[in-house]
Amino acid sequence: MLAGEDKRRSQRVIVRVPITILLAENDQTLKISCHTVAVNIHGAMIICPRALEENTKLEVINGRTDEKIGCRVTRAPRESAEGFLIPVEFSTPSPNFWQITFPPSNWKALDN
């Protein structure tokens, strides 16, 4: 079990989904191509080419469905080899946004 996993509101799924984030900056809307590392019904961990400050409001567009949802950055990003790891939380839980079926909250992987 990963650190903090027992405190999660919903199960996360490790999946790479192409996304575009829309960000208001200097009276303009920036479009930034990114992708997810992990998703759940409350948001995602994304890889972005630039850092975004905690509490930044943005919109995420699912690259597979073109569906859009409002989000906020929940904590400061961490730099990685691929870019910045940025956790985002949806404005409201959205179990269908990623178009995948999530495991039930009491699901545990079998130990080998």
PDB file of N, CA and C in Angstrom:
ATOM      1  N   MET A   1       0.847  -1.177   0.000  1.00  0.00           N
ATOM      2  CA  MET A   1       0.000   0.000   0.000  1.00  0.00           C
ATOM      3  C   MET A   1       0.895   1.243   0.000  1.00  0.00           C
ATOM      4  N   LEU A   2       0.551   2.231  -0.787  1.00  0.00           N
ATOM      5  CA  LEU A   2       1.332   3.452  -0.875  1.00  0.00           C
ATOM      6  C   LEU A   2       0.998   4.374   0.293  1.00  0.00           C
ATOM      7  N   ALA A   3       1.936   5.212   0.662  1.00  0.00           N
ATOM      8  CA  ALA A   3       1.715   6.155   1.751  1.00  0.00           C
ATOM      9  C   ALA A   3       0.478   7.001   1.462  1.00  0.00           C
ATOM     10  N   GLY A   4      -0.398   7.107   2.426  1.00  0.00           N
ATOM     11  CA  GLY A   4      -1.608   7.904   2.268  1.00  0.00           C
ATOM     12  C   GLY A   4      -2.738   7.188   1.573  1.00  0.00           C
ATOM     13  N   GLU A   5      -2.495   5.991   1.054  1.00  0.00           N
ATOM     14  CA  GLU A   5      -3.511   5.268   0.295  1.00  0.00           C
ATOM     15  C   GLU A   5      -4.743   4.971   1.154  1.00  0.00           C
ATOM     16  N   ASP A   6      -4.539   4.658   2.451  1.00  0.00           N
ATOM     17  CA  ASP A   6      -5.666   4.333   3.315  1.00  0.00           C
ATOM     18  C   ASP A   6      -6.541   5.549   3.602  1.00  0.00           C
ATOM     19  N   LYS A   7      -6.061   6.774   3.311  1.00  0.00           N
ATOM     20  CA  LYS A   7      -6.828   7.991   3.561  1.00  0.00           C
ATOM     21  C   LYS A   7      -7.536   8.505   2.311  1.00  0.00           C
ATOM     22  N   ARG A   8      -7.349   7.876   1.168  1.00  0.00           N
ATOM     23  CA  ARG A   8      -7.925   8.368  -0.082  1.00  0.00           C
ATOM     24  C   ARG A   8      -9.443   8.291  -0.066  1.00  0.00           C
ATOM     25  N   ARG A   9     -10.059   9.283  -0.711  1.00  0.00           N
ATOM     26  CA  ARG A   9     -11.514   9.296  -0.831  1.00  0.00           C
ATOM     27  C   ARG A   9     -11.998   8.315  -1.875  1.00  0.00           C
ATOM     28  N   SER A  10     -11.157   8.021  -2.855  1.00  0.00           N
ATOM     29  CA  SER A  10     -11.521   7.060  -3.898  1.00  0.00           C
ATOM     30  C   SER A  10     -10.253   6.396  -4.419  1.00  0.00           C
ATOM     31  N   GLN A  11     -10.426   5.226  -5.004  1.00  0.00           N
ATOM     32  CA  GLN A  11      -9.289   4.490  -5.545  1.00  0.00           C
ATOM     33  C   GLN A  11      -8.695   5.251  -6.730  1.00  0.00           C
ATOM     34  N   ARG A  12      -7.392   5.211  -6.834  1.00  0.00           N
ATOM     35  CA  ARG A  12      -6.763   5.827  -7.996  1.00  0.00           C
ATOM     36  C   ARG A  12      -6.336   4.724  -8.955  1.00  0.00           C
ATOM     37  N   VAL A  13      -6.296   5.096 -10.221  1.00  0.00           N
ATOM     38  CA  VAL A  13      -5.898   4.179 -11.278  1.00  0.00           C
ATOM     39  C   VAL A  13      -4.704   4.808 -11.989  1.00  0.00           C
ATOM     40  N   ILE A  14      -3.638   4.040 -12.123  1.00  0.00           N
ATOM     41  CA  ILE A  14      -2.448   4.516 -12.826  1.00  0.00           C
ATOM     42  C   ILE A  14      -2.733   4.388 -14.325  1.00  0.00           C
ATOM     43  N   VAL A  15      -2.863   5.516 -14.990  1.00  0.00           N
ATOM     44  CA  VAL A  15      -3.180   5.513 -16.420  1.00  0.00           C
ATOM     45  C   VAL A  15      -2.697   6.828 -17.039  1.00  0.00           C
ATOM     46  N   ARG A  16      -2.191   6.730 -18.245  1.00  0.00           N
ATOM     47  CA  ARG A  16      -1.721   7.912 -18.976  1.00  0.00           C
ATOM     48  C   ARG A  16      -2.826   8.337 -19.939  1.00  0.00           C
ATOM     49  N   VAL A  17      -3.404   9.506 -19.655  1.00  0.00           N
ATOM     50  CA  VAL A  17      -4.457  10.074 -20.499  1.00  0.00           C
ATOM     51  C   VAL A  17      -3.951  11.426 -20.999  1.00  0.00           C
ATOM     52  N   PRO A  18      -3.984  11.666 -22.309  1.00  0.00           N
ATOM     53  CA  PRO A  18      -3.588  12.988 -22.799  1.00  0.00           C
ATOM     54  C   PRO A  18      -4.630  14.030 -22.377  1.00  0.00           C
ATOM     55  N   ILE A  19      -4.153  15.151 -21.880  1.00  0.00           N
ATOM     56  CA  ILE A  19      -5.057  16.227 -21.476  1.00  0.00           C
ATOM     57  C   ILE A  19      -4.499  17.557 -21.959  1.00  0.00           C
ATOM     58  N   THR A  20      -5.369  18.537 -22.004  1.00  0.00           N
ATOM     59  CA  THR A  20      -4.973  19.921 -22.228  1.00  0.00           C
ATOM     60  C   THR A  20      -5.471  20.693 -21.026  1.00  0.00           C
ATOM     61  N   ILE A  21      -4.617  21.535 -20.465  1.00  0.00           N
ATOM     62  CA  ILE A  21      -5.103  22.399 -19.401  1.00  0.00           C
ATOM     63  C   ILE A  21      -5.263  23.803 -19.951  1.00  0.00           C
ATOM     64  N   LEU A  22      -6.321  24.459 -19.502  1.00  0.00           N
ATOM     65  CA  LEU A  22      -6.606  25.840 -19.862  1.00  0.00           C
ATOM     66  C   LEU A  22      -6.363  26.675 -18.623  1.00  0.00           C
ATOM     67  N   LEU A  23      -5.540  27.689 -18.765  1.00  0.00           N
ATOM     68  CA  LEU A  23      -5.091  28.482 -17.638  1.00  0.00           C
ATOM     69  C   LEU A  23      -5.170  29.953 -18.003  1.00  0.00           C
ATOM     70  N   ALA A  24      -5.832  30.758 -17.175  1.00  0.00           N
ATOM     71  CA  ALA A  24      -5.901  32.202 -17.411  1.00  0.00           C
ATOM     72  C   ALA A  24      -4.636  32.851 -16.887  1.00  0.00           C
ATOM     73  N   GLU A  25      -3.958  33.601 -17.766  1.00  0.00           N
ATOM     74  CA  GLU A  25      -2.728  34.277 -17.363  1.00  0.00           C
ATOM     75  C   GLU A  25      -2.603  35.571 -18.158  1.00  0.00           C
ATOM     76  N   ASN A  26      -2.466  36.694 -17.462  1.00  0.00           N
ATOM     77  CA  ASN A  26      -2.322  38.007 -18.104  1.00  0.00           C
ATOM     78  C   ASN A  26      -3.446  38.274 -19.100  1.00  0.00           C
ATOM     79  N   ASP A  27      -4.687  38.055 -18.681  1.00  0.00           N
ATOM     80  CA  ASP A  27      -5.874  38.289 -19.506  1.00  0.00           C
ATOM     81  C   ASP A  27      -5.917  37.449 -20.774  1.00  0.00           C
ATOM     82  N   GLN A  28      -5.176  36.351 -20.794  1.00  0.00           N
ATOM     83  CA  GLN A  28      -5.211  35.428 -21.923  1.00  0.00           C
ATOM     84  C   GLN A  28      -5.402  34.019 -21.395  1.00  0.00           C
ATOM     85  N   THR A  29      -5.926  33.147 -22.252  1.00  0.00           N
ATOM     86  CA  THR A  29      -6.073  31.741 -21.890  1.00  0.00           C
ATOM     87  C   THR A  29      -4.939  30.950 -22.527  1.00  0.00           C
ATOM     88  N   LEU A  30      -4.133  30.318 -21.685  1.00  0.00           N
ATOM     89  CA  LEU A  30      -3.051  29.465 -22.170  1.00  0.00           C
ATOM     90  C   LEU A  30      -3.554  28.039 -22.301  1.00  0.00           C
ATOM     91  N   LYS A  31      -3.140  27.360 -23.359  1.00  0.00           N
ATOM     92  CA  LYS A  31      -3.416  25.947 -23.547  1.00  0.00           C
ATOM     93  C   LYS A  31      -2.099  25.210 -23.409  1.00  0.00           C
ATOM     94  N   ILE A  32      -2.058  24.250 -22.489  1.00  0.00           N
ATOM     95  CA  ILE A  32      -0.822  23.505 -22.243  1.00  0.00           C
ATOM     96  C   ILE A  32      -1.118  22.019 -22.372  1.00  0.00           C
ATOM     97  N   SER A  33      -0.371  21.331 -23.227  1.00  0.00           N
ATOM     98  CA  SER A  33      -0.518  19.881 -23.401  1.00  0.00           C
ATOM     99  C   SER A  33       0.188  19.164 -22.263  1.00  0.00           C
ATOM    100  N   CYS A  34      -0.530  18.234 -21.639  1.00  0.00           N
ATOM    101  CA  CYS A  34      -0.017  17.480 -20.501  1.00  0.00           C
ATOM    102  C   CYS A  34      -0.529  16.047 -20.609  1.00  0.00           C
ATOM    103  N   HIS A  35      -0.286  15.253 -19.589  1.00  0.00           N
ATOM    104  CA  HIS A  35      -0.902  13.929 -19.489  1.00  0.00           C
ATOM    105  C   HIS A  35      -1.005  13.537 -18.018  1.00  0.00           C
ATOM    106  N   THR A  36      -1.871  12.575 -17.754  1.00  0.00           N
ATOM    107  CA  THR A  36      -2.041  12.104 -16.389  1.00  0.00           C
ATOM    108  C   THR A  36      -1.031  11.014 -16.070  1.00  0.00           C
ATOM    109  N   VAL A  37      -0.797  10.830 -14.784  1.00  0.00           N
ATOM    110  CA  VAL A  37      -0.015   9.718 -14.263  1.00  0.00           C
ATOM    111  C   VAL A  37      -0.973   8.772 -13.540  1.00  0.00           C
ATOM    112  N   ALA A  38      -1.900   9.366 -12.790  1.00  0.00           N
ATOM    113  CA  ALA A  38      -2.909   8.614 -12.044  1.00  0.00           C
ATOM    114  C   ALA A  38      -4.179   9.452 -12.010  1.00  0.00           C
ATOM    115  N   VAL A  39      -5.329   8.771 -11.987  1.00  0.00           N
ATOM    116  CA  VAL A  39      -6.619   9.463 -11.960  1.00  0.00           C
ATOM    117  C   VAL A  39      -7.508   8.834 -10.891  1.00  0.00           C
ATOM    118  N   ASN A  40      -8.483   9.610 -10.432  1.00  0.00           N
ATOM    119  CA  ASN A  40      -9.562   9.086  -9.592  1.00  0.00           C
ATOM    120  C   ASN A  40     -10.787   9.950  -9.821  1.00  0.00           C
ATOM    121  N   ILE A  41     -11.867   9.690  -9.107  1.00  0.00           N
ATOM    122  CA  ILE A  41     -13.097  10.446  -9.371  1.00  0.00           C
ATOM    123  C   ILE A  41     -13.024  11.880  -8.861  1.00  0.00           C
ATOM    124  N   HIS A  42     -11.978  12.200  -8.087  1.00  0.00           N
ATOM    125  CA  HIS A  42     -11.816  13.537  -7.528  1.00  0.00           C
ATOM    126  C   HIS A  42     -10.795  14.380  -8.277  1.00  0.00           C
ATOM    127  N   GLY A  43     -10.041  13.772  -9.225  1.00  0.00           N
ATOM    128  CA  GLY A  43      -9.033  14.544  -9.931  1.00  0.00           C
ATOM    129  C   GLY A  43      -7.954  13.672 -10.535  1.00  0.00           C
ATOM    130  N   ALA A  44      -6.704  14.168 -10.479  1.00  0.00           N
ATOM    131  CA  ALA A  44      -5.602  13.442 -11.118  1.00  0.00           C
ATOM    132  C   ALA A  44      -4.259  13.976 -10.647  1.00  0.00           C
ATOM    133  N   MET A  45      -3.249  13.182 -10.906  1.00  0.00           N
ATOM    134  CA  MET A  45      -1.860  13.638 -10.823  1.00  0.00           C
ATOM    135  C   MET A  45      -1.446  13.801 -12.278  1.00  0.00           C
ATOM    136  N   ILE A  46      -0.989  14.984 -12.629  1.00  0.00           N
ATOM    137  CA  ILE A  46      -0.635  15.238 -14.018  1.00  0.00           C
ATOM    138  C   ILE A  46       0.851  15.567 -14.145  1.00  0.00           C
ATOM    139  N   ILE A  47       1.366  15.379 -15.336  1.00  0.00           N
ATOM    140  CA  ILE A  47       2.718  15.818 -15.699  1.00  0.00           C
ATOM    141  C   ILE A  47       2.541  17.013 -16.624  1.00  0.00           C
ATOM    142  N   CYS A  48       3.162  18.117 -16.256  1.00  0.00           N
ATOM    143  CA  CYS A  48       3.029  19.370 -16.996  1.00  0.00           C
ATOM    144  C   CYS A  48       4.427  19.927 -17.273  1.00  0.00           C
ATOM    145  N   PRO A  49       4.630  20.561 -18.428  1.00  0.00           N
ATOM    146  CA  PRO A  49       5.951  21.112 -18.732  1.00  0.00           C
ATOM    147  C   PRO A  49       6.322  22.331 -17.890  1.00  0.00           C
ATOM    148  N   ARG A  50       5.356  22.894 -17.161  1.00  0.00           N
ATOM    149  CA  ARG A  50       5.670  24.045 -16.301  1.00  0.00           C
ATOM    150  C   ARG A  50       5.024  23.862 -14.938  1.00  0.00           C
ATOM    151  N   ALA A  51       5.586  24.513 -13.937  1.00  0.00           N
ATOM    152  CA  ALA A  51       5.049  24.444 -12.578  1.00  0.00           C
ATOM    153  C   ALA A  51       3.832  25.350 -12.460  1.00  0.00           C
ATOM    154  N   LEU A  52       2.871  24.928 -11.655  1.00  0.00           N
ATOM    155  CA  LEU A  52       1.698  25.738 -11.346  1.00  0.00           C
ATOM    156  C   LEU A  52       1.593  25.850  -9.834  1.00  0.00           C
ATOM    157  N   GLU A  53       1.310  27.032  -9.339  1.00  0.00           N
ATOM    158  CA  GLU A  53       1.245  27.256  -7.900  1.00  0.00           C
ATOM    159  C   GLU A  53       0.031  26.578  -7.277  1.00  0.00           C
ATOM    160  N   GLU A  54       0.177  26.247  -6.003  1.00  0.00           N
ATOM    161  CA  GLU A  54      -0.931  25.691  -5.231  1.00  0.00           C
ATOM    162  C   GLU A  54      -2.126  26.634  -5.306  1.00  0.00           C
ATOM    163  N   ASN A  55      -3.322  26.069  -5.408  1.00  0.00           N
ATOM    164  CA  ASN A  55      -4.611  26.769  -5.490  1.00  0.00           C
ATOM    165  C   ASN A  55      -4.857  27.458  -6.831  1.00  0.00           C
ATOM    166  N   THR A  56      -4.004  27.248  -7.830  1.00  0.00           N
ATOM    167  CA  THR A  56      -4.264  27.777  -9.165  1.00  0.00           C
ATOM    168  C   THR A  56      -5.517  27.111  -9.719  1.00  0.00           C
ATOM    169  N   LYS A  57      -6.431  27.907 -10.226  1.00  0.00           N
ATOM    170  CA  LYS A  57      -7.644  27.372 -10.851  1.00  0.00           C
ATOM    171  C   LYS A  57      -7.389  27.195 -12.346  1.00  0.00           C
ATOM    172  N   LEU A  58      -7.882  26.089 -12.888  1.00  0.00           N
ATOM    173  CA  LEU A  58      -7.692  25.795 -14.298  1.00  0.00           C
ATOM    174  C   LEU A  58      -8.810  24.875 -14.769  1.00  0.00           C
ATOM    175  N   GLU A  59      -8.839  24.614 -16.050  1.00  0.00           N
ATOM    176  CA  GLU A  59      -9.752  23.635 -16.610  1.00  0.00           C
ATOM    177  C   GLU A  59      -8.922  22.544 -17.265  1.00  0.00           C
ATOM    178  N   VAL A  60      -9.412  21.312 -17.163  1.00  0.00           N
ATOM    179  CA  VAL A  60      -8.770  20.162 -17.790  1.00  0.00           C
ATOM    180  C   VAL A  60      -9.684  19.659 -18.895  1.00  0.00           C
ATOM    181  N   ILE A  61      -9.107  19.431 -20.070  1.00  0.00           N
ATOM    182  CA  ILE A  61      -9.844  18.831 -21.186  1.00  0.00           C
ATOM    183  C   ILE A  61      -9.293  17.425 -21.385  1.00  0.00           C
ATOM    184  N   ASN A  62     -10.167  16.437 -21.304  1.00  0.00           N
ATOM    185  CA  ASN A  62      -9.798  15.042 -21.539  1.00  0.00           C
ATOM    186  C   ASN A  62      -9.516  14.896 -23.038  1.00  0.00           C
ATOM    187  N   GLY A  63      -8.294  14.517 -23.395  1.00  0.00           N
ATOM    188  CA  GLY A  63      -7.900  14.398 -24.797  1.00  0.00           C
ATOM    189  C   GLY A  63      -8.589  13.269 -25.540  1.00  0.00           C
ATOM    190  N   ARG A  64      -9.181  12.331 -24.815  1.00  0.00           N
ATOM    191  CA  ARG A  64      -9.886  11.210 -25.460  1.00  0.00           C
ATOM    192  C   ARG A  64     -11.349  11.518 -25.724  1.00  0.00           C
ATOM    193  N   THR A  65     -11.935  12.421 -24.913  1.00  0.00           N
ATOM    194  CA  THR A  65     -13.373  12.683 -25.046  1.00  0.00           C
ATOM    195  C   THR A  65     -13.702  14.145 -25.334  1.00  0.00           C
ATOM    196  N   ASP A  66     -12.738  15.031 -25.179  1.00  0.00           N
ATOM    197  CA  ASP A  66     -12.916  16.487 -25.291  1.00  0.00           C
ATOM    198  C   ASP A  66     -13.806  17.067 -24.201  1.00  0.00           C
ATOM    199  N   GLU A  67     -14.137  16.288 -23.178  1.00  0.00           N
ATOM    200  CA  GLU A  67     -14.917  16.797 -22.046  1.00  0.00           C
ATOM    201  C   GLU A  67     -14.022  17.713 -21.218  1.00  0.00           C
ATOM    202  N   LYS A  68     -14.628  18.768 -20.647  1.00  0.00           N
ATOM    203  CA  LYS A  68     -13.890  19.767 -19.888  1.00  0.00           C
ATOM    204  C   LYS A  68     -14.431  19.830 -18.463  1.00  0.00           C
ATOM    205  N   ILE A  69     -13.522  20.042 -17.486  1.00  0.00           N
ATOM    206  CA  ILE A  69     -13.943  20.153 -16.092  1.00  0.00           C
ATOM    207  C   ILE A  69     -13.044  21.155 -15.372  1.00  0.00           C
ATOM    208  N   GLY A  70     -13.625  21.884 -14.428  1.00  0.00           N
ATOM    209  CA  GLY A  70     -12.871  22.829 -13.615  1.00  0.00           C
ATOM    210  C   GLY A  70     -12.088  22.114 -12.523  1.00  0.00           C
ATOM    211  N   CYS A  71     -10.889  22.646 -12.222  1.00  0.00           N
ATOM    212  CA  CYS A  71      -9.996  22.035 -11.228  1.00  0.00           C
ATOM    213  C   CYS A  71      -9.242  23.121 -10.479  1.00  0.00           C
ATOM    214  N   ARG A  72      -8.531  22.656  -9.452  1.00  0.00           N
ATOM    215  CA  ARG A  72      -7.559  23.510  -8.774  1.00  0.00           C
ATOM    216  C   ARG A  72      -6.356  22.661  -8.400  1.00  0.00           C
ATOM    217  N   VAL A  73      -5.195  23.298  -8.353  1.00  0.00           N
ATOM    218  CA  VAL A  73      -3.967  22.628  -7.935  1.00  0.00           C
ATOM    219  C   VAL A  73      -4.020  22.504  -6.412  1.00  0.00           C
ATOM    220  N   THR A  74      -3.844  21.289  -5.893  1.00  0.00           N
ATOM    221  CA  THR A  74      -4.018  21.072  -4.456  1.00  0.00           C
ATOM    222  C   THR A  74      -2.761  21.293  -3.623  1.00  0.00           C
ATOM    223  N   ARG A  75      -1.592  21.153  -4.219  1.00  0.00           N
ATOM    224  CA  ARG A  75      -0.349  21.440  -3.495  1.00  0.00           C
ATOM    225  C   ARG A  75       0.762  21.752  -4.500  1.00  0.00           C
ATOM    226  N   ALA A  76       1.864  22.234  -3.976  1.00  0.00           N
ATOM    227  CA  ALA A  76       2.986  22.639  -4.824  1.00  0.00           C
ATOM    228  C   ALA A  76       3.480  21.461  -5.663  1.00  0.00           C
ATOM    229  N   PRO A  77       3.867  21.713  -6.914  1.00  0.00           N
ATOM    230  CA  PRO A  77       4.347  20.644  -7.795  1.00  0.00           C
ATOM    231  C   PRO A  77       5.722  20.146  -7.380  1.00  0.00           C
ATOM    232  N   ARG A  78       6.026  18.931  -7.835  1.00  0.00           N
ATOM    233  CA  ARG A  78       7.369  18.364  -7.662  1.00  0.00           C
ATOM    234  C   ARG A  78       7.954  18.160  -9.050  1.00  0.00           C
ATOM    235  N   GLU A  79       9.202  18.502  -9.198  1.00  0.00           N
ATOM    236  CA  GLU A  79       9.862  18.336 -10.494  1.00  0.00           C
ATOM    237  C   GLU A  79      10.241  16.873 -10.692  1.00  0.00           C
ATOM    238  N   SER A  80      10.058  16.383 -11.922  1.00  0.00           N
ATOM    239  CA  SER A  80      10.439  15.016 -12.272  1.00  0.00           C
ATOM    240  C   SER A  80      11.180  15.061 -13.611  1.00  0.00           C
ATOM    241  N   ALA A  81      11.658  13.907 -14.054  1.00  0.00           N
ATOM    242  CA  ALA A  81      12.377  13.833 -15.332  1.00  0.00           C
ATOM    243  C   ALA A  81      11.479  14.219 -16.509  1.00  0.00           C
ATOM    244  N   GLU A  82      10.172  13.967 -16.400  1.00  0.00           N
ATOM    245  CA  GLU A  82       9.230  14.265 -17.499  1.00  0.00           C
ATOM    246  C   GLU A  82       8.661  15.671 -17.452  1.00  0.00           C
ATOM    247  N   GLY A  83       8.762  16.333 -16.318  1.00  0.00           N
ATOM    248  CA  GLY A  83       8.151  17.646 -16.148  1.00  0.00           C
ATOM    249  C   GLY A  83       7.784  17.831 -14.687  1.00  0.00           C
ATOM    250  N   PHE A  84       6.727  18.577 -14.434  1.00  0.00           N
ATOM    251  CA  PHE A  84       6.284  18.823 -13.067  1.00  0.00           C
ATOM    252  C   PHE A  84       5.084  17.942 -12.735  1.00  0.00           C
ATOM    253  N   LEU A  85       5.166  17.243 -11.610  1.00  0.00           N
ATOM    254  CA  LEU A  85       4.044  16.447 -11.098  1.00  0.00           C
ATOM    255  C   LEU A  85       3.123  17.385 -10.345  1.00  0.00           C
ATOM    256  N   ILE A  86       1.886  17.499 -10.822  1.00  0.00           N
ATOM    257  CA  ILE A  86       0.953  18.458 -10.246  1.00  0.00           C
ATOM    258  C   ILE A  86      -0.350  17.747  -9.891  1.00  0.00           C
ATOM    259  N   PRO A  87      -0.726  17.744  -8.604  1.00  0.00           N
ATOM    260  CA  PRO A  87      -2.006  17.153  -8.219  1.00  0.00           C
ATOM    261  C   PRO A  87      -3.139  18.164  -8.424  1.00  0.00           C
ATOM    262  N   VAL A  88      -4.189  17.735  -9.115  1.00  0.00           N
ATOM    263  CA  VAL A  88      -5.349  18.607  -9.325  1.00  0.00           C
ATOM    264  C   VAL A  88      -6.602  17.927  -8.792  1.00  0.00           C
ATOM    265  N   GLU A  89      -7.512  18.749  -8.286  1.00  0.00           N
ATOM    266  CA  GLU A  89      -8.777  18.275  -7.737  1.00  0.00           C
ATOM    267  C   GLU A  89      -9.918  18.909  -8.530  1.00  0.00           C
ATOM    268  N   PHE A  90     -10.884  18.078  -8.947  1.00  0.00           N
ATOM    269  CA  PHE A  90     -12.053  18.589  -9.661  1.00  0.00           C
ATOM    270  C   PHE A  90     -12.882  19.495  -8.746  1.00  0.00           C
ATOM    271  N   SER A  91     -13.619  20.423  -9.339  1.00  0.00           N
ATOM    272  CA  SER A  91     -14.541  21.279  -8.589  1.00  0.00           C
ATOM    273  C   SER A  91     -15.591  20.441  -7.878  1.00  0.00           C
ATOM    274  N   THR A  92     -16.057  19.398  -8.546  1.00  0.00           N
ATOM    275  CA  THR A  92     -16.998  18.437  -7.960  1.00  0.00           C
ATOM    276  C   THR A  92     -16.571  17.047  -8.411  1.00  0.00           C
ATOM    277  N   PRO A  93     -16.761  16.021  -7.566  1.00  0.00           N
ATOM    278  CA  PRO A  93     -16.391  14.664  -7.985  1.00  0.00           C
ATOM    279  C   PRO A  93     -17.060  14.311  -9.313  1.00  0.00           C
ATOM    280  N   SER A  94     -16.314  13.628 -10.164  1.00  0.00           N
ATOM    281  CA  SER A  94     -16.815  13.297 -11.493  1.00  0.00           C
ATOM    282  C   SER A  94     -16.393  11.878 -11.868  1.00  0.00           C
ATOM    283  N   PRO A  95     -17.177  10.868 -11.449  1.00  0.00           N
ATOM    284  CA  PRO A  95     -16.785   9.475 -11.682  1.00  0.00           C
ATOM    285  C   PRO A  95     -16.704   9.076 -13.152  1.00  0.00           C
ATOM    286  N   ASN A  96     -17.330   9.827 -14.050  1.00  0.00           N
ATOM    287  CA  ASN A  96     -17.330   9.443 -15.463  1.00  0.00           C
ATOM    288  C   ASN A  96     -16.368  10.250 -16.327  1.00  0.00           C
ATOM    289  N   PHE A  97     -15.676  11.226 -15.757  1.00  0.00           N
ATOM    290  CA  PHE A  97     -14.829  12.101 -16.561  1.00  0.00           C
ATOM    291  C   PHE A  97     -13.741  11.335 -17.308  1.00  0.00           C
ATOM    292  N   TRP A  98     -13.116  10.361 -16.669  1.00  0.00           N
ATOM    293  CA  TRP A  98     -12.009   9.632 -17.295  1.00  0.00           C
ATOM    294  C   TRP A  98     -12.483   8.473 -18.153  1.00  0.00           C
ATOM    295  N   GLN A  99     -13.773   8.159 -18.115  1.00  0.00           N
ATOM    296  CA  GLN A  99     -14.355   7.076 -18.925  1.00  0.00           C
ATOM    297  C   GLN A  99     -13.699   5.725 -18.621  1.00  0.00           C
ATOM    298  N   ILE A 100     -13.435   5.481 -17.329  1.00  0.00           N
ATOM    299  CA  ILE A 100     -12.937   4.186 -16.894  1.00  0.00           C
ATOM    300  C   ILE A 100     -13.739   3.746 -15.675  1.00  0.00           C
ATOM    301  N   THR A 101     -13.686   2.465 -15.376  1.00  0.00           N
ATOM    302  CA  THR A 101     -14.355   1.931 -14.197  1.00  0.00           C
ATOM    303  C   THR A 101     -13.348   1.855 -13.069  1.00  0.00           C
ATOM    304  N   PHE A 102     -13.683   2.475 -11.944  1.00  0.00           N
ATOM    305  CA  PHE A 102     -12.787   2.481 -10.796  1.00  0.00           C
ATOM    306  C   PHE A 102     -13.083   1.300  -9.888  1.00  0.00           C
ATOM    307  N   PRO A 103     -12.039   0.742  -9.258  1.00  0.00           N
ATOM    308  CA  PRO A 103     -12.260  -0.327  -8.294  1.00  0.00           C
ATOM    309  C   PRO A 103     -13.061   0.213  -7.109  1.00  0.00           C
ATOM    310  N   PRO A 104     -13.803  -0.651  -6.416  1.00  0.00           N
ATOM    311  CA  PRO A 104     -14.530  -0.183  -5.234  1.00  0.00           C
ATOM    312  C   PRO A 104     -13.552   0.319  -4.166  1.00  0.00           C
ATOM    313  N   SER A 105     -14.027   1.183  -3.262  1.00  0.00           N
ATOM    314  CA  SER A 105     -13.148   1.795  -2.261  1.00  0.00           C
ATOM    315  C   SER A 105     -12.517   0.781  -1.310  1.00  0.00           C
ATOM    316  N   ASN A 106     -13.126  -0.396  -1.166  1.00  0.00           N
ATOM    317  CA  ASN A 106     -12.569  -1.404  -0.254  1.00  0.00           C
ATOM    318  C   ASN A 106     -11.696  -2.426  -0.983  1.00  0.00           C
ATOM    319  N   TRP A 107     -11.384  -2.182  -2.246  1.00  0.00           N
ATOM    320  CA  TRP A 107     -10.581  -3.112  -3.035  1.00  0.00           C
ATOM    321  C   TRP A 107      -9.134  -3.076  -2.589  1.00  0.00           C
ATOM    322  N   LYS A 108      -8.533  -4.222  -2.446  1.00  0.00           N
ATOM    323  CA  LYS A 108      -7.117  -4.347  -2.103  1.00  0.00           C
ATOM    324  C   LYS A 108      -6.477  -5.350  -3.061  1.00  0.00           C
ATOM    325  N   ALA A 109      -5.289  -5.057  -3.538  1.00  0.00           N
ATOM    326  CA  ALA A 109      -4.570  -5.971  -4.403  1.00  0.00           C
ATOM    327  C   ALA A 109      -4.140  -7.188  -3.600  1.00  0.00           C
ATOM    328  N   LEU A 110      -4.105  -8.350  -4.235  1.00  0.00           N
ATOM    329  CA  LEU A 110      -3.646  -9.565  -3.568  1.00  0.00           C
ATOM    330  C   LEU A 110      -2.139  -9.558  -3.454  1.00  0.00           C
ATOM    331  N   ASP A 111      -1.640  -9.967  -2.303  1.00  0.00           N
ATOM    332  CA  ASP A 111      -0.198 -10.106  -2.124  1.00  0.00           C
ATOM    333  C   ASP A 111       0.225 -11.433  -2.727  1.00  0.00           C
ATOM    334  N   ASN A 112       1.337 -11.456  -3.455  1.00  0.00           N
ATOM    335  CA  ASN A 112       1.839 -12.697  -4.047  1.00  0.00           C
ATOM    336  C   ASN A 112       2.743 -13.431  -3.103  1.00  0.00           C
TER     337      ASN A 112
END
